[in-house]
Amino acid sequence: MRSNLFPLLPVAVASVVPRQYFSFGNYFSTGPTASGTFIVEATTTLVLPALNNPHNGNLGLWPGMGMDDGDLVQGLAISTVGWGSPCNMAANEVKWCITASTLENNQEDGVVYRANPGDKVTYLYKYNPSTQKTDQTVSVNGKVVSTLSTSSGRGGLGWGTAMECQQASCGTVPTHHYLDTKITMSAPNPNYKNTLGLNGASSNLVTADGGKTWTVADITINQYTYK
């Protein structure tokens, strides 16, 4: 899945199957970073809402980090039946499909995991200078369930959340929250808060160290209905 919400992330066709419907909902967006600087670590915890209602289409909730080489690091929470989800959900499963994922030329996914509404999914993206790769660790309720490492440039140029719908209208997506978000820079970006963009969302960016580290206690993404 890929977003055109962040100006630094190029638009591309999403990954799972040929699309017939494609739309984005509400979001929280930041970036780009100051010239010559990168996001070297980012973490957030998504509290999974109830599934979209009606349970149509191929819905993805994801925090994404657009990399300086054009890759998109995007751990996924997918709600879908019959559209080629990596979890291959049955129609009677009231579950979210959780996986680490990066969109390069193709979509690369880690191990998939079935999670329940109300579970807390923590996404950690971290650049490893010793391997020159970006490591993803995805945990559910504190247990690591999916990992992925990709050669995705020197770091992120922006970070945000997305609500992405493919294949058919995804109905109504409930209000949901990203908690304890932390974005760490390679060098201070004192004006990074000025890049904040909100659409159907509420939150703010706070720094206590001159812009090297930015935190958000609670990103609230409002309910959204696809047409």
C-alpha atoms as a PDB file:
ATOM      1  CA  MET A   1       0.000   0.000   0.000  1.00  0.00           C
ATOM      2  CA  ARG A   2       1.264   3.461  -0.755  1.00  0.00           C
ATOM      3  CA  SER A   3       0.083   6.951   0.105  1.00  0.00           C
ATOM      4  CA  ASN A   4       0.074  10.243  -1.743  1.00  0.00           C
ATOM      5  CA  LEU A   5      -0.711  12.094   1.461  1.00  0.00           C
ATOM      6  CA  PHE A   6       2.850  13.113   2.241  1.00  0.00           C
ATOM      7  CA  PRO A   7       4.418  15.426  -0.346  1.00  0.00           C
ATOM      8  CA  LEU A   8       7.718  13.547  -0.134  1.00  0.00           C
ATOM      9  CA  LEU A   9       6.194  10.154  -0.929  1.00  0.00           C
ATOM     10  CA  PRO A  10       5.727   9.481  -4.654  1.00  0.00           C
ATOM     11  CA  VAL A  11       2.400   8.072  -5.774  1.00  0.00           C
ATOM     12  CA  ALA A  12       2.303   4.446  -6.884  1.00  0.00           C
ATOM     13  CA  VAL A  13      -0.239   1.699  -7.390  1.00  0.00           C
ATOM     14  CA  ALA A  14      -0.851  -0.285  -4.214  1.00  0.00           C
ATOM     15  CA  SER A  15       0.477  -3.747  -3.921  1.00  0.00           C
ATOM     16  CA  VAL A  16      -1.865  -6.547  -3.141  1.00  0.00           C
ATOM     17  CA  VAL A  17      -4.024  -6.955  -6.249  1.00  0.00           C
ATOM     18  CA  PRO A  18      -4.999  -4.844  -9.293  1.00  0.00           C
ATOM     19  CA  ARG A  19      -7.045  -1.968  -7.970  1.00  0.00           C
ATOM     20  CA  GLN A  20     -10.599  -1.050  -8.941  1.00  0.00           C
ATOM     21  CA  TYR A  21     -11.182   1.503  -6.183  1.00  0.00           C
ATOM     22  CA  PHE A  22      -8.560   3.614  -4.445  1.00  0.00           C
ATOM     23  CA  SER A  23      -9.075   6.306  -1.827  1.00  0.00           C
ATOM     24  CA  PHE A  24      -7.505   7.763   1.318  1.00  0.00           C
ATOM     25  CA  GLY A  25      -9.222   8.905   4.490  1.00  0.00           C
ATOM     26  CA  ASN A  26      -8.038  10.966   7.444  1.00  0.00           C
ATOM     27  CA  TYR A  27      -4.374  11.366   8.296  1.00  0.00           C
ATOM     28  CA  PHE A  28      -1.580  12.896  10.382  1.00  0.00           C
ATOM     29  CA  SER A  29       1.426  13.959   8.286  1.00  0.00           C
ATOM     30  CA  THR A  30       4.895  15.430   8.948  1.00  0.00           C
ATOM     31  CA  GLY A  31       7.872  16.272   6.756  1.00  0.00           C
ATOM     32  CA  PRO A  32      10.058  16.876   4.979  1.00  0.00           C
ATOM     33  CA  THR A  33      13.019  17.048   7.334  1.00  0.00           C
ATOM     34  CA  ALA A  34      15.595  19.840   7.102  1.00  0.00           C
ATOM     35  CA  SER A  35      18.096  19.486   4.265  1.00  0.00           C
ATOM     36  CA  GLY A  36      20.770  16.880   4.966  1.00  0.00           C
ATOM     37  CA  THR A  37      18.966  15.394   7.970  1.00  0.00           C
ATOM     38  CA  PHE A  38      16.927  12.229   8.334  1.00  0.00           C
ATOM     39  CA  ILE A  39      14.566  10.419  10.662  1.00  0.00           C
ATOM     40  CA  VAL A  40      16.695   7.613  12.103  1.00  0.00           C
ATOM     41  CA  GLU A  41      14.083   6.101  14.410  1.00  0.00           C
ATOM     42  CA  ALA A  42      10.312   6.301  14.739  1.00  0.00           C
ATOM     43  CA  THR A  43       7.874   4.442  16.931  1.00  0.00           C
ATOM     44  CA  THR A  44       4.146   4.571  17.611  1.00  0.00           C
ATOM     45  CA  THR A  45       1.408   2.336  19.027  1.00  0.00           C
ATOM     46  CA  LEU A  46      -1.870   1.901  17.153  1.00  0.00           C
ATOM     47  CA  VAL A  47      -4.862   0.851  19.243  1.00  0.00           C
ATOM     48  CA  LEU A  48      -6.811  -1.280  16.785  1.00  0.00           C
ATOM     49  CA  PRO A  49     -10.409  -0.115  16.360  1.00  0.00           C
ATOM     50  CA  ALA A  50     -13.380  -2.261  15.433  1.00  0.00           C
ATOM     51  CA  LEU A  51     -13.345  -3.415  11.817  1.00  0.00           C
ATOM     52  CA  ASN A  52     -14.782  -1.117   9.179  1.00  0.00           C
ATOM     53  CA  ASN A  53     -18.543  -1.400   8.740  1.00  0.00           C
ATOM     54  CA  PRO A  54     -19.741  -2.757   6.398  1.00  0.00           C
ATOM     55  CA  HIS A  55     -16.714  -5.031   6.140  1.00  0.00           C
ATOM     56  CA  ASN A  56     -15.999  -4.250   2.480  1.00  0.00           C
ATOM     57  CA  GLY A  57     -12.939  -3.510   0.403  1.00  0.00           C
ATOM     58  CA  ASN A  58      -9.294  -3.752   1.352  1.00  0.00           C
ATOM     59  CA  LEU A  59      -8.618  -1.325   4.218  1.00  0.00           C
ATOM     60  CA  GLY A  60      -5.151  -0.548   5.523  1.00  0.00           C
ATOM     61  CA  LEU A  61      -4.262   1.521   8.572  1.00  0.00           C
ATOM     62  CA  TRP A  62      -0.551   2.272   8.691  1.00  0.00           C
ATOM     63  CA  PRO A  63       2.148   4.571  10.022  1.00  0.00           C
ATOM     64  CA  GLY A  64       4.524   5.303   7.157  1.00  0.00           C
ATOM     65  CA  MET A  65       8.016   6.702   6.815  1.00  0.00           C
ATOM     66  CA  GLY A  66       9.068   7.970   3.390  1.00  0.00           C
ATOM     67  CA  MET A  67      12.744   7.192   2.835  1.00  0.00           C
ATOM     68  CA  ASP A  68      15.347   9.273   1.014  1.00  0.00           C
ATOM     69  CA  ASP A  69      15.666   6.608  -1.721  1.00  0.00           C
ATOM     70  CA  GLY A  70      11.920   6.633  -2.456  1.00  0.00           C
ATOM     71  CA  ASP A  71      10.998   3.517  -0.451  1.00  0.00           C
ATOM     72  CA  LEU A  72       8.034   3.566   1.905  1.00  0.00           C
ATOM     73  CA  VAL A  73       8.458   1.814   5.246  1.00  0.00           C
ATOM     74  CA  GLN A  74       4.904   1.030   6.366  1.00  0.00           C
ATOM     75  CA  GLY A  75       3.921  -1.566   8.922  1.00  0.00           C
ATOM     76  CA  LEU A  76       0.353  -2.560   8.104  1.00  0.00           C
ATOM     77  CA  ALA A  77      -2.917  -3.294   9.866  1.00  0.00           C
ATOM     78  CA  ILE A  78      -5.227  -4.694   7.168  1.00  0.00           C
ATOM     79  CA  SER A  79      -8.959  -5.366   7.294  1.00  0.00           C
ATOM     80  CA  THR A  80     -10.141  -7.337   4.286  1.00  0.00           C
ATOM     81  CA  VAL A  81     -11.892 -10.474   3.098  1.00  0.00           C
ATOM     82  CA  GLY A  82     -11.316 -11.954  -0.333  1.00  0.00           C
ATOM     83  CA  TRP A  83      -8.948  -9.315  -1.722  1.00  0.00           C
ATOM     84  CA  GLY A  84      -5.647 -11.135  -1.383  1.00  0.00           C
ATOM     85  CA  SER A  85      -4.663 -10.108   2.136  1.00  0.00           C
ATOM     86  CA  PRO A  86      -1.390 -11.729   3.205  1.00  0.00           C
ATOM     87  CA  CYS A  87      -3.357 -13.159   6.145  1.00  0.00           C
ATOM     88  CA  ASN A  88      -5.904 -14.813   3.804  1.00  0.00           C
ATOM     89  CA  MET A  89      -8.781 -14.003   6.143  1.00  0.00           C
ATOM     90  CA  ALA A  90     -12.001 -16.004   6.169  1.00  0.00           C
ATOM     91  CA  ALA A  91     -15.260 -14.085   6.007  1.00  0.00           C
ATOM     92  CA  ASN A  92     -16.175 -14.990   9.601  1.00  0.00           C
ATOM     93  CA  GLU A  93     -12.890 -13.787  11.136  1.00  0.00           C
ATOM     94  CA  VAL A  94     -13.179 -10.537  13.082  1.00  0.00           C
ATOM     95  CA  LYS A  95      -9.443  -9.907  12.957  1.00  0.00           C
ATOM     96  CA  TRP A  96      -6.856  -7.423  11.739  1.00  0.00           C
ATOM     97  CA  CYS A  97      -3.933  -8.671   9.650  1.00  0.00           C
ATOM     98  CA  ILE A  98      -0.680  -7.271  11.067  1.00  0.00           C
ATOM     99  CA  THR A  99       2.685  -7.282   9.283  1.00  0.00           C
ATOM    100  CA  ALA A 100       5.931  -5.369   8.882  1.00  0.00           C
ATOM    101  CA  SER A 101       6.097  -4.089   5.312  1.00  0.00           C
ATOM    102  CA  THR A 102       8.124  -1.939   2.921  1.00  0.00           C
ATOM    103  CA  LEU A 103       7.138  -0.799  -0.543  1.00  0.00           C
ATOM    104  CA  GLU A 104      10.218  -0.777  -2.778  1.00  0.00           C
ATOM    105  CA  ASN A 105       9.786  -1.782  -6.424  1.00  0.00           C
ATOM    106  CA  ASN A 106       7.490  -4.435  -4.974  1.00  0.00           C
ATOM    107  CA  GLN A 107       5.833  -4.862  -1.606  1.00  0.00           C
ATOM    108  CA  GLU A 108       7.924  -6.788   0.907  1.00  0.00           C
ATOM    109  CA  ASP A 109       6.129  -8.208   3.940  1.00  0.00           C
ATOM    110  CA  GLY A 110       7.283  -9.856   7.142  1.00  0.00           C
ATOM    111  CA  VAL A 111       5.472 -12.649   8.956  1.00  0.00           C
ATOM    112  CA  VAL A 112       1.747 -11.979   9.287  1.00  0.00           C
ATOM    113  CA  TYR A 113      -0.240 -12.101  12.522  1.00  0.00           C
ATOM    114  CA  ARG A 114      -3.955 -12.008  13.304  1.00  0.00           C
ATOM    115  CA  ALA A 115      -4.853  -9.409  15.935  1.00  0.00           C
ATOM    116  CA  ASN A 116      -8.100  -8.416  17.617  1.00  0.00           C
ATOM    117  CA  PRO A 117      -9.831  -5.053  17.857  1.00  0.00           C
ATOM    118  CA  GLY A 118      -8.544  -3.376  21.010  1.00  0.00           C
ATOM    119  CA  ASP A 119      -5.046  -4.867  20.692  1.00  0.00           C
ATOM    120  CA  LYS A 120      -2.122  -2.454  20.817  1.00  0.00           C
ATOM    121  CA  VAL A 121       0.231  -2.669  17.839  1.00  0.00           C
ATOM    122  CA  THR A 122       3.628  -1.025  18.253  1.00  0.00           C
ATOM    123  CA  TYR A 123       5.598  -0.182  15.110  1.00  0.00           C
ATOM    124  CA  LEU A 124       9.321   0.558  15.462  1.00  0.00           C
ATOM    125  CA  TYR A 125      11.370   1.718  12.466  1.00  0.00           C
ATOM    126  CA  LYS A 126      15.105   2.172  13.047  1.00  0.00           C
ATOM    127  CA  TYR A 127      18.029   2.841  10.717  1.00  0.00           C
ATOM    128  CA  ASN A 128      20.982   0.553  11.465  1.00  0.00           C
ATOM    129  CA  PRO A 129      24.252   2.233  10.401  1.00  0.00           C
ATOM    130  CA  SER A 130      26.237  -0.987  10.725  1.00  0.00           C
ATOM    131  CA  THR A 131      24.124  -2.767   8.089  1.00  0.00           C
ATOM    132  CA  GLN A 132      22.853   0.378   6.299  1.00  0.00           C
ATOM    133  CA  LYS A 133      19.371  -1.099   6.505  1.00  0.00           C
ATOM    134  CA  THR A 134      16.146   0.065   8.103  1.00  0.00           C
ATOM    135  CA  ASP A 135      14.842  -2.468  10.618  1.00  0.00           C
ATOM    136  CA  GLN A 136      11.155  -2.852  11.394  1.00  0.00           C
ATOM    137  CA  THR A 137       9.853  -4.488  14.530  1.00  0.00           C
ATOM    138  CA  VAL A 138       6.100  -4.901  14.966  1.00  0.00           C
ATOM    139  CA  SER A 139       4.711  -5.995  18.331  1.00  0.00           C
ATOM    140  CA  VAL A 140       1.188  -6.772  19.511  1.00  0.00           C
ATOM    141  CA  ASN A 141       0.519  -6.212  23.211  1.00  0.00           C
ATOM    142  CA  GLY A 142       4.261  -6.235  23.820  1.00  0.00           C
ATOM    143  CA  LYS A 143       5.019  -9.444  21.889  1.00  0.00           C
ATOM    144  CA  VAL A 144       7.122  -9.205  18.704  1.00  0.00           C
ATOM    145  CA  VAL A 145       5.084 -10.695  15.847  1.00  0.00           C
ATOM    146  CA  SER A 146       6.734  -9.452  12.628  1.00  0.00           C
ATOM    147  CA  THR A 147      10.107  -8.062  11.543  1.00  0.00           C
ATOM    148  CA  LEU A 148      11.661  -6.874   8.299  1.00  0.00           C
ATOM    149  CA  SER A 149      14.976  -5.275   7.271  1.00  0.00           C
ATOM    150  CA  THR A 150      15.363  -3.471   3.957  1.00  0.00           C
ATOM    151  CA  SER A 151      17.978  -1.375   2.187  1.00  0.00           C
ATOM    152  CA  SER A 152      15.938   1.816   2.121  1.00  0.00           C
ATOM    153  CA  GLY A 153      18.400   4.680   1.998  1.00  0.00           C
ATOM    154  CA  ARG A 154      19.944   6.663   4.828  1.00  0.00           C
ATOM    155  CA  GLY A 155      16.768   7.469   6.743  1.00  0.00           C
ATOM    156  CA  GLY A 156      13.315   8.955   6.589  1.00  0.00           C
ATOM    157  CA  LEU A 157      12.316  12.320   5.169  1.00  0.00           C
ATOM    158  CA  GLY A 158       8.861  12.339   6.749  1.00  0.00           C
ATOM    159  CA  TRP A 159       6.497  10.314   8.926  1.00  0.00           C
ATOM    160  CA  GLY A 160       2.738  10.074   9.162  1.00  0.00           C
ATOM    161  CA  THR A 161      -0.328   7.888   9.355  1.00  0.00           C
ATOM    162  CA  ALA A 162      -2.676   6.746   6.616  1.00  0.00           C
ATOM    163  CA  MET A 163      -6.119   5.239   6.173  1.00  0.00           C
ATOM    164  CA  GLU A 164      -6.084   3.595   2.746  1.00  0.00           C
ATOM    165  CA  CYS A 165      -8.945   1.839   0.950  1.00  0.00           C
ATOM    166  CA  GLN A 166      -8.672  -0.297  -2.181  1.00  0.00           C
ATOM    167  CA  GLN A 167     -10.930  -2.459  -4.359  1.00  0.00           C
ATOM    168  CA  ALA A 168     -14.331  -1.290  -3.051  1.00  0.00           C
ATOM    169  CA  SER A 169     -15.714   1.288  -0.632  1.00  0.00           C
ATOM    170  CA  CYS A 170     -14.505   0.386   2.865  1.00  0.00           C
ATOM    171  CA  GLY A 171     -17.593   1.712   4.639  1.00  0.00           C
ATOM    172  CA  THR A 172     -17.078   3.532   7.929  1.00  0.00           C
ATOM    173  CA  VAL A 173     -13.747   3.358   9.738  1.00  0.00           C
ATOM    174  CA  PRO A 174     -14.075   4.068  13.477  1.00  0.00           C
ATOM    175  CA  THR A 175     -12.100   6.705  15.329  1.00  0.00           C
ATOM    176  CA  HIS A 176      -8.731   5.313  16.368  1.00  0.00           C
ATOM    177  CA  HIS A 177      -5.585   6.390  18.179  1.00  0.00           C
ATOM    178  CA  TYR A 178      -1.825   6.261  17.761  1.00  0.00           C
ATOM    179  CA  LEU A 179      -0.158   6.560  21.176  1.00  0.00           C
ATOM    180  CA  ASP A 180       3.321   7.456  22.429  1.00  0.00           C
ATOM    181  CA  THR A 181       4.717   8.464  19.050  1.00  0.00           C
ATOM    182  CA  LYS A 182       8.413   9.350  19.022  1.00  0.00           C
ATOM    183  CA  ILE A 183      10.412  10.586  16.018  1.00  0.00           C
ATOM    184  CA  THR A 184      14.212  10.826  16.360  1.00  0.00           C
ATOM    185  CA  MET A 185      16.316  12.876  13.933  1.00  0.00           C
ATOM    186  CA  SER A 186      19.919  12.497  12.819  1.00  0.00           C
ATOM    187  CA  ALA A 187      20.400  16.143  13.849  1.00  0.00           C
ATOM    188  CA  PRO A 188      18.107  18.750  15.414  1.00  0.00           C
ATOM    189  CA  ASN A 189      15.196  19.969  13.288  1.00  0.00           C
ATOM    190  CA  PRO A 190      13.895  22.854  15.448  1.00  0.00           C
ATOM    191  CA  ASN A 191      11.224  23.844  12.906  1.00  0.00           C
ATOM    192  CA  TYR A 192       9.893  20.360  12.168  1.00  0.00           C
ATOM    193  CA  LYS A 193       6.615  21.134  13.931  1.00  0.00           C
ATOM    194  CA  ASN A 194       5.839  23.573  11.110  1.00  0.00           C
ATOM    195  CA  THR A 195       5.566  20.650   8.667  1.00  0.00           C
ATOM    196  CA  LEU A 196       2.608  19.123  10.528  1.00  0.00           C
ATOM    197  CA  GLY A 197      -0.449  18.459   8.378  1.00  0.00           C
ATOM    198  CA  LEU A 198      -3.777  17.220   9.749  1.00  0.00           C
ATOM    199  CA  ASN A 199      -6.867  15.977   7.924  1.00  0.00           C
ATOM    200  CA  GLY A 200      -9.660  14.718  10.168  1.00  0.00           C
ATOM    201  CA  ALA A 201      -7.103  14.300  12.936  1.00  0.00           C
ATOM    202  CA  SER A 202      -5.993  16.118  16.065  1.00  0.00           C
ATOM    203  CA  SER A 203      -2.595  16.249  17.737  1.00  0.00           C
ATOM    204  CA  ASN A 204       0.595  18.289  18.048  1.00  0.00           C
ATOM    205  CA  LEU A 205       4.371  17.816  17.996  1.00  0.00           C
ATOM    206  CA  VAL A 206       6.484  18.503  21.089  1.00  0.00           C
ATOM    207  CA  THR A 207      10.254  18.628  21.535  1.00  0.00           C
ATOM    208  CA  ALA A 208      12.277  18.957  24.719  1.00  0.00           C
ATOM    209  CA  ASP A 209      15.745  18.897  23.143  1.00  0.00           C
ATOM    210  CA  GLY A 210      15.709  21.546  20.439  1.00  0.00           C
ATOM    211  CA  GLY A 211      14.215  19.346  17.737  1.00  0.00           C
ATOM    212  CA  LYS A 212      16.386  16.227  17.875  1.00  0.00           C
ATOM    213  CA  THR A 213      13.447  14.224  19.223  1.00  0.00           C
ATOM    214  CA  TRP A 214       9.760  14.905  18.630  1.00  0.00           C
ATOM    215  CA  THR A 215       6.942  13.255  20.572  1.00  0.00           C
ATOM    216  CA  VAL A 216       3.163  13.010  20.309  1.00  0.00           C
ATOM    217  CA  ALA A 217       1.170  11.623  23.238  1.00  0.00           C
ATOM    218  CA  ASP A 218      -2.010  10.821  21.281  1.00  0.00           C
ATOM    219  CA  ILE A 219      -2.803  11.116  17.578  1.00  0.00           C
ATOM    220  CA  THR A 220      -6.582  10.919  17.218  1.00  0.00           C
ATOM    221  CA  ILE A 221      -7.804   9.900  13.761  1.00  0.00           C
ATOM    222  CA  ASN A 222     -11.490  10.697  13.432  1.00  0.00           C
ATOM    223  CA  GLN A 223     -14.163   8.381  12.084  1.00  0.00           C
ATOM    224  CA  TYR A 224     -14.317   8.398   8.302  1.00  0.00           C
ATOM    225  CA  THR A 225     -16.843   7.057   5.794  1.00  0.00           C
ATOM    226  CA  TYR A 226     -15.789   6.127   2.258  1.00  0.00           C
ATOM    227  CA  LYS A 227     -18.206   7.026  -0.506  1.00  0.00           C
END
